[in-house]
Protein backbone atom coordinates (compact mmCIF):
# COMPACT_ATOMS: atom_id res chain seq x y z
CA MET A 1 14.32 -89.91 -11.27
CA THR A 2 11.97 -87.00 -11.74
CA ASN A 3 12.33 -84.26 -9.06
CA THR A 4 8.93 -83.85 -7.46
CA SER A 5 10.15 -81.62 -4.56
CA LEU A 6 8.33 -78.34 -4.01
CA GLU A 7 11.62 -76.57 -3.21
CA PRO A 8 12.65 -74.03 -5.92
CA SER A 9 15.66 -74.88 -8.02
CA ALA A 10 18.93 -72.98 -7.73
CA PRO A 11 18.22 -70.71 -10.75
CA GLU A 12 14.78 -69.96 -9.35
CA ARG A 13 16.25 -69.08 -5.95
CA ALA A 14 18.79 -66.79 -7.54
CA GLU A 15 16.09 -65.04 -9.55
CA ALA A 16 13.92 -64.61 -6.46
CA THR A 17 16.74 -63.08 -4.43
CA ALA A 18 18.08 -60.85 -7.19
CA PRO A 19 17.64 -57.12 -6.50
CA GLY A 20 14.58 -55.71 -8.27
CA PRO A 21 14.01 -52.27 -9.70
CA PRO A 22 13.89 -49.39 -7.22
CA SER A 23 10.49 -48.73 -5.63
CA LEU A 24 8.46 -45.92 -7.17
CA THR A 25 6.57 -45.22 -3.93
CA ALA A 26 6.88 -41.53 -2.95
CA PRO A 27 8.40 -40.84 0.46
CA ALA A 28 5.95 -39.87 3.17
CA ALA A 29 5.42 -36.11 3.45
CA PRO A 30 6.77 -34.59 6.67
CA PRO A 31 4.04 -33.72 9.18
CA ARG A 32 2.68 -30.19 8.86
CA PRO A 33 3.78 -27.98 11.78
CA PRO A 34 0.95 -26.95 14.10
CA ALA A 35 -0.73 -23.61 13.45
CA VAL A 36 -0.04 -22.42 17.01
CA ASP A 37 3.27 -22.36 18.86
CA PRO A 38 2.53 -22.01 22.61
CA SER A 39 6.18 -21.26 23.38
CA ARG A 40 5.92 -17.87 21.65
CA PRO A 41 4.17 -14.76 23.01
CA PHE A 42 0.49 -14.20 22.32
CA GLY A 43 0.25 -12.23 19.09
CA ALA A 44 3.29 -13.94 17.59
CA HIS A 45 2.03 -17.45 18.30
CA VAL A 46 0.49 -18.26 14.91
CA ARG A 47 2.24 -20.07 12.03
CA MET A 48 0.88 -19.40 8.55
CA SER A 49 1.94 -19.77 4.95
CA TRP A 50 3.12 -16.42 3.58
CA TRP A 51 0.03 -15.92 1.42
CA LYS A 52 -2.60 -16.39 4.13
CA PRO A 53 -2.21 -12.96 5.81
CA LEU A 54 -2.48 -11.42 2.33
CA VAL A 55 -5.98 -12.90 2.20
CA ILE A 56 -7.12 -12.56 5.81
CA VAL A 57 -6.09 -8.97 6.57
CA PRO A 58 -7.40 -7.19 3.43
CA LEU A 59 -10.56 -9.29 3.45
CA LEU A 60 -11.34 -8.33 7.05
CA VAL A 61 -10.77 -4.63 6.37
CA ILE A 62 -12.89 -4.67 3.19
CA LEU A 63 -15.71 -6.60 4.81
CA MET A 64 -15.75 -4.29 7.83
CA LEU A 65 -16.07 -1.20 5.62
CA LEU A 66 -18.59 -2.82 3.29
CA ILE A 67 -20.89 -4.08 6.04
CA GLN A 68 -20.86 -0.69 7.78
CA ILE A 69 -21.66 1.13 4.52
CA LEU A 70 -24.54 -1.22 3.72
CA ALA A 71 -25.94 -1.01 7.26
CA GLY A 72 -25.69 2.78 7.27
CA ALA A 73 -27.36 3.05 3.85
CA ALA A 74 -30.20 0.83 5.03
CA VAL A 75 -30.83 3.08 8.05
CA VAL A 76 -30.75 6.23 5.90
CA MET A 77 -33.31 4.71 3.53
CA PHE A 78 -35.51 3.60 6.44
CA GLU A 79 -35.40 7.01 8.11
CA LEU A 80 -36.14 8.73 4.80
CA LEU A 81 -38.92 6.49 3.52
CA VAL A 82 -40.58 5.44 6.79
CA LEU A 83 -39.82 8.24 9.22
CA GLY A 84 -39.62 11.06 6.69
CA LYS A 85 -36.26 12.20 8.05
CA GLU A 86 -33.89 13.56 5.42
CA PRO A 87 -30.16 13.15 6.08
CA ASP A 88 -28.43 16.36 7.18
CA LEU A 89 -25.13 16.35 5.27
CA THR A 90 -24.05 19.67 6.82
CA ASN A 91 -24.27 18.30 10.38
CA PRO A 92 -23.76 14.53 10.30
CA SER A 93 -24.76 12.80 13.51
CA LEU A 94 -25.53 9.34 14.78
CA SER A 95 -29.18 8.76 15.57
CA PRO A 96 -30.13 5.86 17.85
CA LEU A 97 -30.95 3.75 14.78
CA MET A 98 -27.67 4.65 13.11
CA MET A 99 -25.79 3.77 16.29
CA LEU A 100 -27.60 0.43 16.40
CA ALA A 101 -26.65 -0.30 12.79
CA ALA A 102 -23.03 0.76 13.31
CA ASN A 103 -22.61 -1.38 16.43
CA LEU A 104 -24.23 -4.49 14.97
CA SER A 105 -22.31 -4.20 11.69
CA ILE A 106 -19.01 -4.10 13.58
CA ALA A 107 -20.17 -6.88 15.93
CA ALA A 108 -20.60 -9.10 12.88
CA MET A 109 -16.83 -8.97 12.38
CA ALA A 110 -16.23 -11.20 15.43
CA PRO A 111 -17.65 -14.41 13.94
CA ILE A 112 -16.24 -13.47 10.52
CA SER A 113 -12.74 -13.03 11.98
CA MET A 114 -12.93 -16.29 13.92
CA ALA A 115 -14.16 -18.16 10.84
CA LEU A 116 -11.39 -16.81 8.59
CA MET A 117 -8.68 -17.60 11.13
CA ARG A 118 -10.09 -21.10 11.61
CA TRP A 119 -10.73 -21.82 7.93
CA ILE A 120 -7.71 -20.19 6.28
CA GLY A 121 -5.23 -19.91 9.14
CA LYS A 122 -6.16 -23.28 10.72
CA VAL A 123 -6.04 -21.60 14.15
CA PRO A 124 -8.46 -23.15 16.66
CA VAL A 125 -10.93 -20.66 18.11
CA ARG A 126 -9.64 -21.36 21.60
CA GLU A 127 -6.13 -20.18 20.66
CA GLN A 128 -7.57 -17.05 19.09
CA PHE A 129 -8.72 -15.90 22.54
CA ALA A 130 -5.98 -17.17 24.83
CA LEU A 131 -2.65 -18.97 24.61
CA ALA A 132 -1.39 -21.77 26.86
CA ARG A 133 -4.43 -21.33 29.08
CA ARG A 134 -8.21 -21.25 28.87
CA ALA A 135 -10.07 -18.02 28.21
CA SER A 136 -11.29 -16.90 31.62
CA TRP A 137 -14.62 -15.30 32.52
CA GLU A 138 -13.06 -14.52 35.89
CA ARG A 139 -10.33 -12.47 34.23
CA LEU A 140 -12.91 -10.67 32.10
CA GLY A 141 -15.00 -9.80 35.15
CA VAL A 142 -12.05 -8.60 37.22
CA TYR A 143 -10.73 -6.43 34.41
CA THR A 144 -14.17 -4.99 33.68
CA ALA A 145 -14.64 -3.92 37.30
CA MET A 146 -11.09 -2.57 37.49
CA PHE A 147 -11.40 -0.50 34.33
CA LEU A 148 -14.87 0.76 35.18
CA VAL A 149 -13.50 2.31 38.37
CA LEU A 150 -10.59 3.82 36.40
CA LEU A 151 -12.86 5.34 33.73
CA LEU A 152 -15.33 6.74 36.23
CA VAL A 153 -12.56 8.37 38.27
CA VAL A 154 -10.94 9.92 35.19
CA ASN A 155 -14.23 11.29 33.85
CA ALA A 156 -15.19 12.60 37.30
CA ILE A 157 -11.95 14.56 37.29
CA PHE A 158 -12.86 15.99 33.88
CA PHE A 159 -16.26 17.11 35.20
CA VAL A 160 -14.60 18.77 38.20
CA VAL A 161 -12.16 20.61 35.95
CA ASP A 162 -14.96 21.65 33.55
CA PRO A 163 -18.28 21.80 35.46
CA SER A 164 -20.02 23.52 32.54
CA SER A 165 -20.20 20.20 30.69
CA LEU A 166 -22.76 19.00 33.27
CA GLN A 167 -25.23 21.69 32.17
CA ALA A 168 -25.79 20.01 28.79
CA ILE A 169 -27.14 16.78 30.31
CA SER A 170 -30.73 15.94 29.36
CA PHE A 171 -33.08 12.95 29.65
CA THR A 172 -35.30 12.89 26.57
CA GLY A 173 -36.76 9.86 24.82
CA GLY A 174 -34.00 9.92 22.21
CA VAL A 175 -31.33 10.13 24.90
CA LEU A 176 -32.75 7.17 26.78
CA ALA A 177 -33.05 5.16 23.56
CA LEU A 178 -29.41 5.85 22.72
CA ILE A 179 -28.31 4.84 26.23
CA VAL A 180 -30.23 1.55 25.99
CA ILE A 181 -28.73 0.81 22.56
CA THR A 182 -25.27 1.67 23.90
CA LEU A 183 -25.57 -0.65 26.89
CA LEU A 184 -26.90 -3.54 24.80
CA THR A 185 -24.79 -3.35 21.63
CA THR A 186 -21.62 -1.35 22.32
CA PRO A 187 -20.05 -4.27 24.27
CA LEU A 188 -20.56 -6.44 21.19
CA GLN A 189 -18.98 -3.79 18.94
CA ALA A 190 -15.94 -3.24 21.18
CA ALA A 191 -15.35 -6.95 21.74
CA ALA A 192 -15.57 -7.62 18.01
CA GLU A 193 -12.88 -5.03 17.30
CA GLU A 194 -10.56 -6.81 19.71
CA VAL A 195 -11.30 -10.20 18.17
CA MET A 196 -10.60 -8.76 14.73
CA PHE A 197 -7.56 -6.55 15.35
CA ARG A 198 -5.81 -8.27 18.27
CA GLY A 199 -7.08 -11.81 17.71
CA ALA A 200 -6.74 -12.01 13.92
CA ILE A 201 -4.86 -9.14 12.23
CA LEU A 202 -2.03 -8.89 14.79
CA PRO A 203 -1.01 -12.58 14.71
CA SER A 204 -1.57 -12.81 10.95
CA ILE A 205 0.92 -10.02 10.24
CA ALA A 206 3.34 -11.30 12.88
CA SER A 207 3.35 -14.75 11.27
CA TRP A 208 5.52 -13.39 8.43
CA ILE A 209 8.51 -13.03 10.78
CA ARG A 210 10.14 -15.93 12.62
CA PRO A 211 12.10 -14.21 15.44
CA ALA A 212 9.43 -13.88 18.13
CA LYS A 213 10.30 -10.40 19.41
CA ALA A 214 10.60 -8.88 15.95
CA ALA A 215 7.35 -10.56 14.87
CA LEU A 216 5.55 -9.19 17.89
CA VAL A 217 6.80 -5.62 17.34
CA VAL A 218 5.93 -5.61 13.63
CA GLY A 219 2.52 -7.18 14.16
CA LEU A 220 1.70 -4.89 17.06
CA ILE A 221 2.63 -1.68 15.22
CA ALA A 222 1.10 -2.65 11.87
CA SER A 223 -2.21 -3.82 13.33
CA SER A 224 -2.46 -0.69 15.50
CA ILE A 225 -1.85 1.60 12.51
CA ILE A 226 -4.62 -0.19 10.61
CA PHE A 227 -6.84 0.15 13.69
CA GLY A 228 -6.15 3.89 13.85
CA LEU A 229 -6.78 4.45 10.15
CA MET A 230 -10.06 2.53 10.28
CA HIS A 231 -11.50 5.18 12.61
CA GLY A 232 -11.51 7.61 9.71
CA SER A 233 -9.91 10.63 11.37
CA VAL A 234 -7.39 12.91 9.67
CA ASP A 235 -6.78 14.97 12.79
CA PRO A 236 -3.20 14.19 13.90
CA TRP A 237 -4.12 14.16 17.58
CA LEU A 238 -7.07 11.80 17.12
CA LEU A 239 -5.23 9.56 14.66
CA SER A 240 -2.32 9.30 17.09
CA TYR A 241 -4.69 8.50 19.94
CA TYR A 242 -6.50 5.73 18.08
CA THR A 243 -3.16 4.19 17.08
CA ILE A 244 -1.76 4.40 20.61
CA PHE A 245 -5.02 2.97 21.93
CA GLY A 246 -4.53 0.00 19.60
CA ILE A 247 -0.96 -0.43 20.81
CA ALA A 248 -2.13 -0.36 24.43
CA MET A 249 -4.76 -3.03 23.74
CA ALA A 250 -2.17 -5.21 21.98
CA VAL A 251 0.27 -4.86 24.87
CA MET A 252 -2.49 -5.91 27.29
CA ALA A 253 -3.10 -9.01 25.18
CA VAL A 254 0.61 -9.86 25.13
CA ILE A 255 1.02 -9.39 28.88
CA SER A 256 -2.05 -11.47 29.76
CA ARG A 257 -1.65 -13.97 26.88
CA GLY A 258 -5.27 -13.43 25.91
CA LEU A 259 -8.02 -11.04 24.89
CA GLU A 260 -9.89 -10.64 28.19
CA ALA A 261 -8.07 -7.48 29.30
CA PRO A 262 -8.27 -5.57 25.97
CA ILE A 263 -11.91 -6.61 25.51
CA ALA A 264 -12.78 -5.39 29.01
CA PHE A 265 -11.02 -2.04 28.60
CA HIS A 266 -12.40 -1.45 25.10
CA VAL A 267 -15.95 -2.27 26.23
CA VAL A 268 -15.82 -0.08 29.34
CA ASN A 269 -14.14 2.78 27.48
CA ASN A 270 -16.68 2.83 24.65
CA VAL A 271 -19.72 2.37 26.89
CA VAL A 272 -18.72 5.16 29.27
CA ILE A 273 -17.86 7.55 26.44
CA MET A 274 -21.09 6.84 24.55
CA VAL A 275 -23.30 7.14 27.66
CA ILE A 276 -21.73 10.50 28.46
CA GLY A 277 -22.12 11.52 24.82
CA ALA A 278 -25.77 10.44 24.85
CA LEU A 279 -26.50 12.48 27.98
CA GLY A 280 -25.15 15.59 26.27
CA SER A 281 -26.67 14.87 22.86
CA ASP A 282 -29.48 16.56 20.95
CA ASN A 283 -32.33 14.15 21.77
CA GLY A 284 -30.08 11.15 21.16
CA ASN A 285 -28.34 12.45 18.04
CA VAL A 286 -24.60 12.36 18.73
CA VAL A 287 -22.27 14.33 16.49
CA MET A 288 -19.21 12.24 15.62
CA ASP A 289 -16.80 14.87 14.30
CA ARG A 290 -13.30 13.55 13.72
CA SER A 291 -12.15 16.28 11.36
CA VAL A 292 -8.97 18.31 11.70
CA GLY A 293 -9.01 20.48 14.80
CA MET A 294 -11.19 18.22 16.93
CA GLY A 295 -8.18 16.84 18.77
CA GLY A 296 -5.73 18.69 20.95
CA PRO A 297 -3.39 18.41 23.93
CA PHE A 298 -6.29 17.14 26.06
CA ILE A 299 -5.79 13.82 24.23
CA LEU A 300 -2.67 13.33 26.36
CA ALA A 301 -4.91 12.74 29.38
CA PHE A 302 -6.65 9.85 27.60
CA ILE A 303 -3.30 8.43 26.50
CA ALA A 304 -2.14 8.56 30.12
CA MET A 305 -5.29 6.69 31.14
CA ASP A 306 -4.53 3.96 28.60
CA LEU A 307 -1.00 3.62 29.98
CA VAL A 308 -2.36 3.34 33.52
CA ALA A 309 -4.67 0.56 32.32
CA VAL A 310 -1.69 -1.29 30.81
CA ALA A 311 0.16 -0.97 34.12
CA LEU A 312 -2.85 -2.38 35.99
CA VAL A 313 -2.90 -5.41 33.67
CA TRP A 314 0.80 -5.99 34.24
CA LEU A 315 0.38 -5.78 38.03
CA TYR A 316 -2.65 -8.08 38.06
CA GLU A 317 -1.05 -10.72 35.85
CA ARG A 318 2.16 -10.62 37.87
CA ARG A 319 0.22 -11.10 41.09
CA ARG A 320 -1.87 -13.86 39.57
CA ARG A 321 1.18 -15.76 38.32
CA GLY A 322 2.79 -15.42 41.71
CA ALA A 323 -0.30 -16.84 43.41
CA GLU A 324 -0.45 -19.75 40.96
CA VAL A 325 3.21 -20.61 41.47
CA GLY A 326 2.79 -20.43 45.25
CA SER A 327 -0.25 -22.73 45.20
CA GLY A 328 1.28 -25.16 42.72
CA VAL A 329 -1.43 -24.59 40.09
CA PRO A 330 -0.08 -25.15 36.55
CA GLN A 331 -0.08 -21.82 34.72
CA THR A 332 -1.17 -23.44 31.45
CA THR A 333 -4.60 -24.18 32.94
CA ALA A 334 -5.16 -20.82 34.63
């Protein structure tokens, strides 16, 4: 009788169950580690491929110099062709227009830094400003008020020690213009430097080293040296001050796990210095001389002020953490 069953025959079953050739499907790639490690200190919290800092850091430095040069050249051409003012190469100074161009050119580095860190480093903007917590306007306001009092007290002491400096104060149209430009644009300039150096360059360099403490030390020192060199001074006192200033700002960021404290101090410091410089300027033309001999032991007083500011940040953050623990508020949402 003919077998009309639909069941496969024994040879067919054997063939169906025989092992086939190995699958050529590639194994699934392991998930990429996140770009931010919240368990590490701020500044050493970013993970990057080794080549990314080699792109981000030089590109930021080159763009900062290039934009400033182009902005300065545009102002020189405007003052020469429109205002009929020839540049004085023997006595270089910052006019109100030149100050405006310098501040806005540096301010442009904030969005550029954030874009490069987001695009190349894959670091979310939020983690560029704070780690394991939200960036806080309250923190920024408290630190701004705190540092403003500190700067005013320190400069009042300087005026008491040297009352002759008060005699140079004037209120001309150029002086008032420079003060207005300082108040409106210097906060943008100072904040942008913090976003660039402490929010981008510091963690980029630190990402090369895996041990957290070593990464933090290397990133902090290297980014602060670059910060000091970018100020263009060859005077050993001034160069040392700018570098130590950068270190102080980085330490503030590490202590507070964010950029609010260094932004506040940098803004207040630059605004107060520039307003005082404007009041003593030649109709709003401020001489920015950073050549050899312009520094001296008096720089130690400013370094001491920076250290006091760091101590204030440490005390405030310690008190804040204590209050959060006592109230049961999770510190990651502070």
